[in-house]
Amino acid sequence: MDYYAIGQRIRKIRKAHGLSQEALAEKVGISVTHMSHIETGNTKLSLPVLVEIATTLEVRTDDLLFDDSPAERSNSLDTILHILDSSTTQQLKIIEGILKATKISLDKFL
């Protein structure tokens, strides 16, 4: 998990909401030092704090955890293509079934 990237997303969203580190830390119930360490990736982020930050910033936890940029998408696609290129025909059929089932589940729950 890239805690620095998560911290930078938190910082970006915090600033977009016009909040200082101090104000967000107070709303979340943590120290300013802890908030600073979260934003710089110098500390791991606990689940309760992550949820509280997301709630306070009115975003989904996924918005804080995952980068939805075109570059990140491209990296994921490259990884998937590499896996597929190194798979046998039998493995590809199994992967296809898994992907279809996963996509259906994701569409239902996200």
PDB file of N, CA and C in Angstrom:
ATOM      1  N   MET A   1       0.836  -1.167   0.000  1.00  0.00           N
ATOM      2  CA  MET A   1       0.000   0.000   0.000  1.00  0.00           C
ATOM      3  C   MET A   1       0.890   1.243   0.000  1.00  0.00           C
ATOM      4  N   ASP A   2       0.586   2.181  -0.868  1.00  0.00           N
ATOM      5  CA  ASP A   2       1.383   3.402  -1.006  1.00  0.00           C
ATOM      6  C   ASP A   2       0.798   4.493  -0.107  1.00  0.00           C
ATOM      7  N   TYR A   3       1.286   4.567   1.127  1.00  0.00           N
ATOM      8  CA  TYR A   3       0.752   5.522   2.101  1.00  0.00           C
ATOM      9  C   TYR A   3       1.042   6.967   1.704  1.00  0.00           C
ATOM     10  N   TYR A   4       2.148   7.183   1.005  1.00  0.00           N
ATOM     11  CA  TYR A   4       2.446   8.542   0.533  1.00  0.00           C
ATOM     12  C   TYR A   4       1.379   9.000  -0.457  1.00  0.00           C
ATOM     13  N   ALA A   5       1.033   8.139  -1.405  1.00  0.00           N
ATOM     14  CA  ALA A   5       0.020   8.499  -2.407  1.00  0.00           C
ATOM     15  C   ALA A   5      -1.338   8.730  -1.751  1.00  0.00           C
ATOM     16  N   ILE A   6      -1.683   7.903  -0.775  1.00  0.00           N
ATOM     17  CA  ILE A   6      -2.946   8.086  -0.048  1.00  0.00           C
ATOM     18  C   ILE A   6      -2.939   9.441   0.658  1.00  0.00           C
ATOM     19  N   GLY A   7      -1.829   9.743   1.316  1.00  0.00           N
ATOM     20  CA  GLY A   7      -1.704  11.023   2.014  1.00  0.00           C
ATOM     21  C   GLY A   7      -1.829  12.207   1.071  1.00  0.00           C
ATOM     22  N   GLN A   8      -1.263  12.071  -0.108  1.00  0.00           N
ATOM     23  CA  GLN A   8      -1.349  13.164  -1.080  1.00  0.00           C
ATOM     24  C   GLN A   8      -2.776  13.353  -1.590  1.00  0.00           C
ATOM     25  N   ARG A   9      -3.512  12.248  -1.749  1.00  0.00           N
ATOM     26  CA  ARG A   9      -4.917  12.369  -2.149  1.00  0.00           C
ATOM     27  C   ARG A   9      -5.735  13.039  -1.040  1.00  0.00           C
ATOM     28  N   ILE A  10      -5.458  12.667   0.209  1.00  0.00           N
ATOM     29  CA  ILE A  10      -6.142  13.299   1.340  1.00  0.00           C
ATOM     30  C   ILE A  10      -5.841  14.799   1.339  1.00  0.00           C
ATOM     31  N   ARG A  11      -4.585  15.143   1.166  1.00  0.00           N
ATOM     32  CA  ARG A  11      -4.173  16.557   1.155  1.00  0.00           C
ATOM     33  C   ARG A  11      -4.885  17.327   0.052  1.00  0.00           C
ATOM     34  N   LYS A  12      -4.917  16.755  -1.142  1.00  0.00           N
ATOM     35  CA  LYS A  12      -5.554  17.412  -2.285  1.00  0.00           C
ATOM     36  C   LYS A  12      -7.044  17.664  -2.010  1.00  0.00           C
ATOM     37  N   ILE A  13      -7.728  16.655  -1.494  1.00  0.00           N
ATOM     38  CA  ILE A  13      -9.163  16.788  -1.218  1.00  0.00           C
ATOM     39  C   ILE A  13      -9.393  17.745  -0.056  1.00  0.00           C
ATOM     40  N   ARG A  14      -8.543  17.668   0.966  1.00  0.00           N
ATOM     41  CA  ARG A  14      -8.651  18.588   2.106  1.00  0.00           C
ATOM     42  C   ARG A  14      -8.550  20.035   1.636  1.00  0.00           C
ATOM     43  N   LYS A  15      -7.554  20.311   0.802  1.00  0.00           N
ATOM     44  CA  LYS A  15      -7.363  21.672   0.296  1.00  0.00           C
ATOM     45  C   LYS A  15      -8.536  22.108  -0.585  1.00  0.00           C
ATOM     46  N   ALA A  16      -9.082  21.178  -1.370  1.00  0.00           N
ATOM     47  CA  ALA A  16     -10.235  21.498  -2.214  1.00  0.00           C
ATOM     48  C   ALA A  16     -11.445  21.882  -1.365  1.00  0.00           C
ATOM     49  N   HIS A  17     -11.505  21.349  -0.146  1.00  0.00           N
ATOM     50  CA  HIS A  17     -12.585  21.691   0.783  1.00  0.00           C
ATOM     51  C   HIS A  17     -12.263  22.948   1.597  1.00  0.00           C
ATOM     52  N   GLY A  18     -11.086  23.512   1.364  1.00  0.00           N
ATOM     53  CA  GLY A  18     -10.693  24.727   2.073  1.00  0.00           C
ATOM     54  C   GLY A  18     -10.389  24.497   3.543  1.00  0.00           C
ATOM     55  N   LEU A  19      -9.945  23.289   3.879  1.00  0.00           N
ATOM     56  CA  LEU A  19      -9.632  22.957   5.266  1.00  0.00           C
ATOM     57  C   LEU A  19      -8.125  22.958   5.498  1.00  0.00           C
ATOM     58  N   SER A  20      -7.721  23.445   6.649  1.00  0.00           N
ATOM     59  CA  SER A  20      -6.321  23.333   7.053  1.00  0.00           C
ATOM     60  C   SER A  20      -6.107  21.942   7.645  1.00  0.00           C
ATOM     61  N   GLN A  21      -4.844  21.567   7.806  1.00  0.00           N
ATOM     62  CA  GLN A  21      -4.547  20.303   8.487  1.00  0.00           C
ATOM     63  C   GLN A  21      -5.127  20.319   9.892  1.00  0.00           C
ATOM     64  N   GLU A  22      -5.011  21.450  10.542  1.00  0.00           N
ATOM     65  CA  GLU A  22      -5.510  21.588  11.909  1.00  0.00           C
ATOM     66  C   GLU A  22      -7.015  21.350  11.973  1.00  0.00           C
ATOM     67  N   ALA A  23      -7.748  21.961  11.039  1.00  0.00           N
ATOM     68  CA  ALA A  23      -9.213  21.833  11.033  1.00  0.00           C
ATOM     69  C   ALA A  23      -9.636  20.395  10.762  1.00  0.00           C
ATOM     70  N   LEU A  24      -8.984  19.744   9.790  1.00  0.00           N
ATOM     71  CA  LEU A  24      -9.336  18.359   9.486  1.00  0.00           C
ATOM     72  C   LEU A  24      -8.982  17.445  10.655  1.00  0.00           C
ATOM     73  N   ALA A  25      -7.811  17.657  11.233  1.00  0.00           N
ATOM     74  CA  ALA A  25      -7.392  16.837  12.377  1.00  0.00           C
ATOM     75  C   ALA A  25      -8.399  16.960  13.514  1.00  0.00           C
ATOM     76  N   GLU A  26      -8.865  18.164  13.776  1.00  0.00           N
ATOM     77  CA  GLU A  26      -9.833  18.379  14.856  1.00  0.00           C
ATOM     78  C   GLU A  26     -11.151  17.663  14.561  1.00  0.00           C
ATOM     79  N   LYS A  27     -11.623  17.765  13.322  1.00  0.00           N
ATOM     80  CA  LYS A  27     -12.883  17.110  12.938  1.00  0.00           C
ATOM     81  C   LYS A  27     -12.772  15.595  13.020  1.00  0.00           C
ATOM     82  N   VAL A  28     -11.598  15.070  12.698  1.00  0.00           N
ATOM     83  CA  VAL A  28     -11.376  13.621  12.687  1.00  0.00           C
ATOM     84  C   VAL A  28     -11.083  13.104  14.098  1.00  0.00           C
ATOM     85  N   GLY A  29     -10.573  13.981  14.950  1.00  0.00           N
ATOM     86  CA  GLY A  29     -10.272  13.589  16.316  1.00  0.00           C
ATOM     87  C   GLY A  29      -8.874  13.034  16.496  1.00  0.00           C
ATOM     88  N   ILE A  30      -7.930  13.555  15.704  1.00  0.00           N
ATOM     89  CA  ILE A  30      -6.531  13.148  15.824  1.00  0.00           C
ATOM     90  C   ILE A  30      -5.676  14.397  15.981  1.00  0.00           C
ATOM     91  N   SER A  31      -4.418  14.223  16.330  1.00  0.00           N
ATOM     92  CA  SER A  31      -3.521  15.359  16.497  1.00  0.00           C
ATOM     93  C   SER A  31      -3.097  15.904  15.130  1.00  0.00           C
ATOM     94  N   VAL A  32      -2.688  17.156  15.127  1.00  0.00           N
ATOM     95  CA  VAL A  32      -2.197  17.786  13.899  1.00  0.00           C
ATOM     96  C   VAL A  32      -0.940  17.058  13.414  1.00  0.00           C
ATOM     97  N   THR A  33      -0.113  16.636  14.347  1.00  0.00           N
ATOM     98  CA  THR A  33       1.104  15.893  13.989  1.00  0.00           C
ATOM     99  C   THR A  33       0.751  14.591  13.280  1.00  0.00           C
ATOM    100  N   HIS A  34      -0.244  13.885  13.802  1.00  0.00           N
ATOM    101  CA  HIS A  34      -0.676  12.635  13.170  1.00  0.00           C
ATOM    102  C   HIS A  34      -1.197  12.914  11.764  1.00  0.00           C
ATOM    103  N   MET A  35      -2.003  13.969  11.608  1.00  0.00           N
ATOM    104  CA  MET A  35      -2.527  14.326  10.282  1.00  0.00           C
ATOM    105  C   MET A  35      -1.382  14.642   9.327  1.00  0.00           C
ATOM    106  N   SER A  36      -0.412  15.373   9.804  1.00  0.00           N
ATOM    107  CA  SER A  36       0.748  15.697   8.974  1.00  0.00           C
ATOM    108  C   SER A  36       1.478  14.431   8.542  1.00  0.00           C
ATOM    109  N   HIS A  37       1.647  13.506   9.480  1.00  0.00           N
ATOM    110  CA  HIS A  37       2.334  12.247   9.159  1.00  0.00           C
ATOM    111  C   HIS A  37       1.519  11.404   8.167  1.00  0.00           C
ATOM    112  N   ILE A  38       0.203  11.456   8.276  1.00  0.00           N
ATOM    113  CA  ILE A  38      -0.644  10.743   7.315  1.00  0.00           C
ATOM    114  C   ILE A  38      -0.450  11.319   5.922  1.00  0.00           C
ATOM    115  N   GLU A  39      -0.487  12.647   5.820  1.00  0.00           N
ATOM    116  CA  GLU A  39      -0.380  13.291   4.505  1.00  0.00           C
ATOM    117  C   GLU A  39       0.991  13.110   3.870  1.00  0.00           C
ATOM    118  N   THR A  40       2.021  12.947   4.676  1.00  0.00           N
ATOM    119  CA  THR A  40       3.365  12.756   4.124  1.00  0.00           C
ATOM    120  C   THR A  40       3.729  11.276   3.977  1.00  0.00           C
ATOM    121  N   GLY A  41       2.810  10.399   4.399  1.00  0.00           N
ATOM    122  CA  GLY A  41       3.058   8.964   4.281  1.00  0.00           C
ATOM    123  C   GLY A  41       4.023   8.427   5.315  1.00  0.00           C
ATOM    124  N   ASN A  42       4.272   9.204   6.375  1.00  0.00           N
ATOM    125  CA  ASN A  42       5.217   8.775   7.407  1.00  0.00           C
ATOM    126  C   ASN A  42       4.602   7.885   8.466  1.00  0.00           C
ATOM    127  N   THR A  43       3.309   7.612   8.355  1.00  0.00           N
ATOM    128  CA  THR A  43       2.648   6.705   9.282  1.00  0.00           C
ATOM    129  C   THR A  43       1.592   5.914   8.536  1.00  0.00           C
ATOM    130  N   LYS A  44       1.339   4.727   9.000  1.00  0.00           N
ATOM    131  CA  LYS A  44       0.265   3.928   8.409  1.00  0.00           C
ATOM    132  C   LYS A  44      -1.067   4.460   8.904  1.00  0.00           C
ATOM    133  N   LEU A  45      -2.048   4.345   8.081  1.00  0.00           N
ATOM    134  CA  LEU A  45      -3.366   4.882   8.362  1.00  0.00           C
ATOM    135  C   LEU A  45      -4.272   3.756   8.843  1.00  0.00           C
ATOM    136  N   SER A  46      -4.855   3.916  10.030  1.00  0.00           N
ATOM    137  CA  SER A  46      -5.767   2.891  10.549  1.00  0.00           C
ATOM    138  C   SER A  46      -7.110   2.992   9.831  1.00  0.00           C
ATOM    139  N   LEU A  47      -7.829   1.906   9.812  1.00  0.00           N
ATOM    140  CA  LEU A  47      -9.136   1.875   9.160  1.00  0.00           C
ATOM    141  C   LEU A  47     -10.111   2.882   9.783  1.00  0.00           C
ATOM    142  N   PRO A  48     -10.227   2.946  11.114  1.00  0.00           N
ATOM    143  CA  PRO A  48     -11.161   3.931  11.691  1.00  0.00           C
ATOM    144  C   PRO A  48     -10.820   5.373  11.305  1.00  0.00           C
ATOM    145  N   VAL A  49      -9.538   5.711  11.276  1.00  0.00           N
ATOM    146  CA  VAL A  49      -9.134   7.071  10.905  1.00  0.00           C
ATOM    147  C   VAL A  49      -9.415   7.306   9.423  1.00  0.00           C
ATOM    148  N   LEU A  50      -9.126   6.326   8.583  1.00  0.00           N
ATOM    149  CA  LEU A  50      -9.415   6.449   7.156  1.00  0.00           C
ATOM    150  C   LEU A  50     -10.901   6.716   6.929  1.00  0.00           C
ATOM    151  N   VAL A  51     -11.744   5.951   7.592  1.00  0.00           N
ATOM    152  CA  VAL A  51     -13.194   6.110   7.437  1.00  0.00           C
ATOM    153  C   VAL A  51     -13.631   7.492   7.921  1.00  0.00           C
ATOM    154  N   GLU A  52     -13.084   7.934   9.032  1.00  0.00           N
ATOM    155  CA  GLU A  52     -13.459   9.245   9.580  1.00  0.00           C
ATOM    156  C   GLU A  52     -13.004  10.376   8.653  1.00  0.00           C
ATOM    157  N   ILE A  53     -11.815  10.252   8.081  1.00  0.00           N
ATOM    158  CA  ILE A  53     -11.337  11.265   7.129  1.00  0.00           C
ATOM    159  C   ILE A  53     -12.248  11.292   5.904  1.00  0.00           C
ATOM    160  N   ALA A  54     -12.571  10.124   5.370  1.00  0.00           N
ATOM    161  CA  ALA A  54     -13.445  10.057   4.189  1.00  0.00           C
ATOM    162  C   ALA A  54     -14.812  10.658   4.493  1.00  0.00           C
ATOM    163  N   THR A  55     -15.366  10.343   5.645  1.00  0.00           N
ATOM    164  CA  THR A  55     -16.669  10.877   6.036  1.00  0.00           C
ATOM    165  C   THR A  55     -16.602  12.401   6.163  1.00  0.00           C
ATOM    166  N   THR A  56     -15.574  12.887   6.806  1.00  0.00           N
ATOM    167  CA  THR A  56     -15.411  14.326   7.002  1.00  0.00           C
ATOM    168  C   THR A  56     -15.238  15.049   5.670  1.00  0.00           C
ATOM    169  N   LEU A  57     -14.493  14.441   4.759  1.00  0.00           N
ATOM    170  CA  LEU A  57     -14.248  15.060   3.449  1.00  0.00           C
ATOM    171  C   LEU A  57     -15.357  14.750   2.442  1.00  0.00           C
ATOM    172  N   GLU A  58     -16.338  13.961   2.870  1.00  0.00           N
ATOM    173  CA  GLU A  58     -17.487  13.603   2.034  1.00  0.00           C
ATOM    174  C   GLU A  58     -17.079  12.912   0.740  1.00  0.00           C
ATOM    175  N   VAL A  59     -16.160  11.929   0.885  1.00  0.00           N
ATOM    176  CA  VAL A  59     -15.726  11.107  -0.245  1.00  0.00           C
ATOM    177  C   VAL A  59     -15.782   9.641   0.178  1.00  0.00           C
ATOM    178  N   ARG A  60     -15.686   8.757  -0.791  1.00  0.00           N
ATOM    179  CA  ARG A  60     -15.612   7.327  -0.499  1.00  0.00           C
ATOM    180  C   ARG A  60     -14.188   6.982  -0.067  1.00  0.00           C
ATOM    181  N   THR A  61     -14.046   5.963   0.751  1.00  0.00           N
ATOM    182  CA  THR A  61     -12.702   5.534   1.133  1.00  0.00           C
ATOM    183  C   THR A  61     -11.891   5.145  -0.099  1.00  0.00           C
ATOM    184  N   ASP A  62     -12.554   4.576  -1.099  1.00  0.00           N
ATOM    185  CA  ASP A  62     -11.859   4.214  -2.347  1.00  0.00           C
ATOM    186  C   ASP A  62     -11.224   5.431  -3.010  1.00  0.00           C
ATOM    187  N   ASP A  63     -11.866   6.592  -2.874  1.00  0.00           N
ATOM    188  CA  ASP A  63     -11.311   7.807  -3.469  1.00  0.00           C
ATOM    189  C   ASP A  63      -9.990   8.187  -2.813  1.00  0.00           C
ATOM    190  N   LEU A  64      -9.823   7.808  -1.557  1.00  0.00           N
ATOM    191  CA  LEU A  64      -8.575   8.080  -0.852  1.00  0.00           C
ATOM    192  C   LEU A  64      -7.536   6.990  -1.093  1.00  0.00           C
ATOM    193  N   LEU A  65      -7.998   5.761  -1.243  1.00  0.00           N
ATOM    194  CA  LEU A  65      -7.078   4.627  -1.369  1.00  0.00           C
ATOM    195  C   LEU A  65      -6.531   4.425  -2.777  1.00  0.00           C
ATOM    196  N   PHE A  66      -7.354   4.725  -3.789  1.00  0.00           N
ATOM    197  CA  PHE A  66      -6.977   4.375  -5.153  1.00  0.00           C
ATOM    198  C   PHE A  66      -6.926   5.580  -6.068  1.00  0.00           C
ATOM    199  N   ASP A  67      -5.910   5.596  -6.906  1.00  0.00           N
ATOM    200  CA  ASP A  67      -5.747   6.641  -7.902  1.00  0.00           C
ATOM    201  C   ASP A  67      -6.551   6.262  -9.134  1.00  0.00           C
ATOM    202  N   ASP A  68      -7.418   7.142  -9.547  1.00  0.00           N
ATOM    203  CA  ASP A  68      -8.264   6.872 -10.712  1.00  0.00           C
ATOM    204  C   ASP A  68      -7.784   7.644 -11.942  1.00  0.00           C
ATOM    205  N   SER A  69      -6.489   7.964 -11.954  1.00  0.00           N
ATOM    206  CA  SER A  69      -5.943   8.752 -13.059  1.00  0.00           C
ATOM    207  C   SER A  69      -5.726   7.880 -14.297  1.00  0.00           C
ATOM    208  N   PRO A  70      -5.659   8.511 -15.468  1.00  0.00           N
ATOM    209  CA  PRO A  70      -5.377   7.753 -16.702  1.00  0.00           C
ATOM    210  C   PRO A  70      -4.063   6.982 -16.627  1.00  0.00           C
ATOM    211  N   ALA A  71      -3.061   7.541 -15.980  1.00  0.00           N
ATOM    212  CA  ALA A  71      -1.767   6.844 -15.869  1.00  0.00           C
ATOM    213  C   ALA A  71      -1.903   5.577 -15.040  1.00  0.00           C
ATOM    214  N   GLU A  72      -2.642   5.657 -13.934  1.00  0.00           N
ATOM    215  CA  GLU A  72      -2.853   4.477 -13.091  1.00  0.00           C
ATOM    216  C   GLU A  72      -3.643   3.417 -13.846  1.00  0.00           C
ATOM    217  N   ARG A  73      -4.642   3.848 -14.584  1.00  0.00           N
ATOM    218  CA  ARG A  73      -5.442   2.924 -15.390  1.00  0.00           C
ATOM    219  C   ARG A  73      -4.563   2.233 -16.434  1.00  0.00           C
ATOM    220  N   SER A  74      -3.706   2.995 -17.068  1.00  0.00           N
ATOM    221  CA  SER A  74      -2.802   2.446 -18.070  1.00  0.00           C
ATOM    222  C   SER A  74      -1.857   1.411 -17.457  1.00  0.00           C
ATOM    223  N   ASN A  75      -1.342   1.695 -16.265  1.00  0.00           N
ATOM    224  CA  ASN A  75      -0.462   0.744 -15.575  1.00  0.00           C
ATOM    225  C   ASN A  75      -1.196  -0.555 -15.271  1.00  0.00           C
ATOM    226  N   SER A  76      -2.456  -0.432 -14.823  1.00  0.00           N
ATOM    227  CA  SER A  76      -3.243  -1.631 -14.529  1.00  0.00           C
ATOM    228  C   SER A  76      -3.488  -2.447 -15.791  1.00  0.00           C
ATOM    229  N   LEU A  77      -3.827  -1.763 -16.875  1.00  0.00           N
ATOM    230  CA  LEU A  77      -4.069  -2.466 -18.137  1.00  0.00           C
ATOM    231  C   LEU A  77      -2.803  -3.159 -18.635  1.00  0.00           C
ATOM    232  N   ASP A  78      -1.665  -2.507 -18.493  1.00  0.00           N
ATOM    233  CA  ASP A  78      -0.401  -3.119 -18.897  1.00  0.00           C
ATOM    234  C   ASP A  78      -0.122  -4.387 -18.096  1.00  0.00           C
ATOM    235  N   THR A  79      -0.387  -4.341 -16.802  1.00  0.00           N
ATOM    236  CA  THR A  79      -0.183  -5.510 -15.948  1.00  0.00           C
ATOM    237  C   THR A  79      -1.104  -6.643 -16.367  1.00  0.00           C
ATOM    238  N   ILE A  80      -2.365  -6.325 -16.614  1.00  0.00           N
ATOM    239  CA  ILE A  80      -3.336  -7.336 -17.034  1.00  0.00           C
ATOM    240  C   ILE A  80      -2.923  -7.944 -18.369  1.00  0.00           C
ATOM    241  N   LEU A  81      -2.520  -7.127 -19.310  1.00  0.00           N
ATOM    242  CA  LEU A  81      -2.086  -7.637 -20.618  1.00  0.00           C
ATOM    243  C   LEU A  81      -0.871  -8.551 -20.481  1.00  0.00           C
ATOM    244  N   HIS A  82       0.043  -8.197 -19.603  1.00  0.00           N
ATOM    245  CA  HIS A  82       1.224  -9.041 -19.387  1.00  0.00           C
ATOM    246  C   HIS A  82       0.799 -10.416 -18.847  1.00  0.00           C
ATOM    247  N   ILE A  83      -0.131 -10.418 -17.907  1.00  0.00           N
ATOM    248  CA  ILE A  83      -0.629 -11.686 -17.356  1.00  0.00           C
ATOM    249  C   ILE A  83      -1.290 -12.512 -18.447  1.00  0.00           C
ATOM    250  N   LEU A  84      -2.120 -11.871 -19.247  1.00  0.00           N
ATOM    251  CA  LEU A  84      -2.824 -12.587 -20.314  1.00  0.00           C
ATOM    252  C   LEU A  84      -1.859 -13.131 -21.363  1.00  0.00           C
ATOM    253  N   ASP A  85      -0.857 -12.334 -21.717  1.00  0.00           N
ATOM    254  CA  ASP A  85       0.118 -12.766 -22.718  1.00  0.00           C
ATOM    255  C   ASP A  85       0.909 -13.997 -22.277  1.00  0.00           C
ATOM    256  N   SER A  86       1.073 -14.145 -20.962  1.00  0.00           N
ATOM    257  CA  SER A  86       1.866 -15.273 -20.469  1.00  0.00           C
ATOM    258  C   SER A  86       0.998 -16.468 -20.069  1.00  0.00           C
ATOM    259  N   SER A  87      -0.301 -16.429 -20.413  1.00  0.00           N
ATOM    260  CA  SER A  87      -1.226 -17.499 -20.030  1.00  0.00           C
ATOM    261  C   SER A  87      -1.456 -18.476 -21.180  1.00  0.00           C
ATOM    262  N   THR A  88      -1.742 -19.717 -20.808  1.00  0.00           N
ATOM    263  CA  THR A  88      -2.099 -20.728 -21.803  1.00  0.00           C
ATOM    264  C   THR A  88      -3.558 -20.512 -22.219  1.00  0.00           C
ATOM    265  N   THR A  89      -3.986 -21.209 -23.292  1.00  0.00           N
ATOM    266  CA  THR A  89      -5.372 -21.108 -23.744  1.00  0.00           C
ATOM    267  C   THR A  89      -6.334 -21.544 -22.640  1.00  0.00           C
ATOM    268  N   GLN A  90      -6.010 -22.611 -21.956  1.00  0.00           N
ATOM    269  CA  GLN A  90      -6.859 -23.089 -20.861  1.00  0.00           C
ATOM    270  C   GLN A  90      -6.939 -22.050 -19.736  1.00  0.00           C
ATOM    271  N   GLN A  91      -5.809 -21.467 -19.386  1.00  0.00           N
ATOM    272  CA  GLN A  91      -5.799 -20.436 -18.359  1.00  0.00           C
ATOM    273  C   GLN A  91      -6.616 -19.215 -18.781  1.00  0.00           C
ATOM    274  N   LEU A  92      -6.526 -18.853 -20.059  1.00  0.00           N
ATOM    275  CA  LEU A  92      -7.290 -17.705 -20.568  1.00  0.00           C
ATOM    276  C   LEU A  92      -8.800 -17.922 -20.431  1.00  0.00           C
ATOM    277  N   LYS A  93      -9.261 -19.136 -20.705  1.00  0.00           N
ATOM    278  CA  LYS A  93     -10.691 -19.449 -20.561  1.00  0.00           C
ATOM    279  C   LYS A  93     -11.134 -19.295 -19.105  1.00  0.00           C
ATOM    280  N   ILE A  94     -10.301 -19.765 -18.190  1.00  0.00           N
ATOM    281  CA  ILE A  94     -10.620 -19.653 -16.757  1.00  0.00           C
ATOM    282  C   ILE A  94     -10.610 -18.185 -16.336  1.00  0.00           C
ATOM    283  N   ILE A  95      -9.600 -17.450 -16.767  1.00  0.00           N
ATOM    284  CA  ILE A  95      -9.509 -16.020 -16.443  1.00  0.00           C
ATOM    285  C   ILE A  95     -10.713 -15.268 -16.997  1.00  0.00           C
ATOM    286  N   GLU A  96     -11.135 -15.608 -18.197  1.00  0.00           N
ATOM    287  CA  GLU A  96     -12.304 -14.970 -18.801  1.00  0.00           C
ATOM    288  C   GLU A  96     -13.549 -15.166 -17.927  1.00  0.00           C
ATOM    289  N   GLY A  97     -13.761 -16.386 -17.463  1.00  0.00           N
ATOM    290  CA  GLY A  97     -14.903 -16.670 -16.598  1.00  0.00           C
ATOM    291  C   GLY A  97     -14.832 -15.908 -15.280  1.00  0.00           C
ATOM    292  N   ILE A  98     -13.631 -15.863 -14.709  1.00  0.00           N
ATOM    293  CA  ILE A  98     -13.440 -15.132 -13.454  1.00  0.00           C
ATOM    294  C   ILE A  98     -13.713 -13.645 -13.658  1.00  0.00           C
ATOM    295  N   LEU A  99     -13.220 -13.081 -14.753  1.00  0.00           N
ATOM    296  CA  LEU A  99     -13.429 -11.663 -15.032  1.00  0.00           C
ATOM    297  C   LEU A  99     -14.905 -11.326 -15.227  1.00  0.00           C
ATOM    298  N   LYS A 100     -15.612 -12.164 -15.945  1.00  0.00           N
ATOM    299  CA  LYS A 100     -17.045 -11.930 -16.166  1.00  0.00           C
ATOM    300  C   LYS A 100     -17.801 -11.946 -14.847  1.00  0.00           C
ATOM    301  N   ALA A 101     -17.530 -12.945 -14.015  1.00  0.00           N
ATOM    302  CA  ALA A 101     -18.213 -13.056 -12.725  1.00  0.00           C
ATOM    303  C   ALA A 101     -17.849 -11.882 -11.809  1.00  0.00           C
ATOM    304  N   THR A 102     -16.592 -11.499 -11.820  1.00  0.00           N
ATOM    305  CA  THR A 102     -16.144 -10.381 -10.995  1.00  0.00           C
ATOM    306  C   THR A 102     -16.799  -9.082 -11.439  1.00  0.00           C
ATOM    307  N   LYS A 103     -16.858  -8.847 -12.742  1.00  0.00           N
ATOM    308  CA  LYS A 103     -17.471  -7.619 -13.264  1.00  0.00           C
ATOM    309  C   LYS A 103     -18.939  -7.538 -12.883  1.00  0.00           C
ATOM    310  N   ILE A 104     -19.648  -8.634 -12.980  1.00  0.00           N
ATOM    311  CA  ILE A 104     -21.076  -8.669 -12.595  1.00  0.00           C
ATOM    312  C   ILE A 104     -21.218  -8.311 -11.117  1.00  0.00           C
ATOM    313  N   SER A 105     -20.383  -8.900 -10.270  1.00  0.00           N
ATOM    314  CA  SER A 105     -20.433  -8.602  -8.832  1.00  0.00           C
ATOM    315  C   SER A 105     -20.092  -7.147  -8.538  1.00  0.00           C
ATOM    316  N   LEU A 106     -19.065  -6.635  -9.196  1.00  0.00           N
ATOM    317  CA  LEU A 106     -18.682  -5.233  -8.987  1.00  0.00           C
ATOM    318  C   LEU A 106     -19.787  -4.280  -9.415  1.00  0.00           C
ATOM    319  N   ASP A 107     -20.440  -4.586 -10.523  1.00  0.00           N
ATOM    320  CA  ASP A 107     -21.530  -3.727 -11.000  1.00  0.00           C
ATOM    321  C   ASP A 107     -22.685  -3.684  -9.996  1.00  0.00           C
ATOM    322  N   LYS A 108     -22.893  -4.801  -9.293  1.00  0.00           N
ATOM    323  CA  LYS A 108     -23.986  -4.869  -8.318  1.00  0.00           C
ATOM    324  C   LYS A 108     -23.671  -4.086  -7.056  1.00  0.00           C
ATOM    325  N   PHE A 109     -22.401  -4.122  -6.623  1.00  0.00           N
ATOM    326  CA  PHE A 109     -22.054  -3.599  -5.311  1.00  0.00           C
ATOM    327  C   PHE A 109     -21.337  -2.257  -5.328  1.00  0.00           C
ATOM    328  N   LEU A 110     -20.906  -1.785  -6.457  1.00  0.00           N
ATOM    329  CA  LEU A 110     -20.203  -0.480  -6.490  1.00  0.00           C
ATOM    330  C   LEU A 110     -21.050   0.572  -7.157  1.00  0.00           C
TER     331      LEU A 110
END
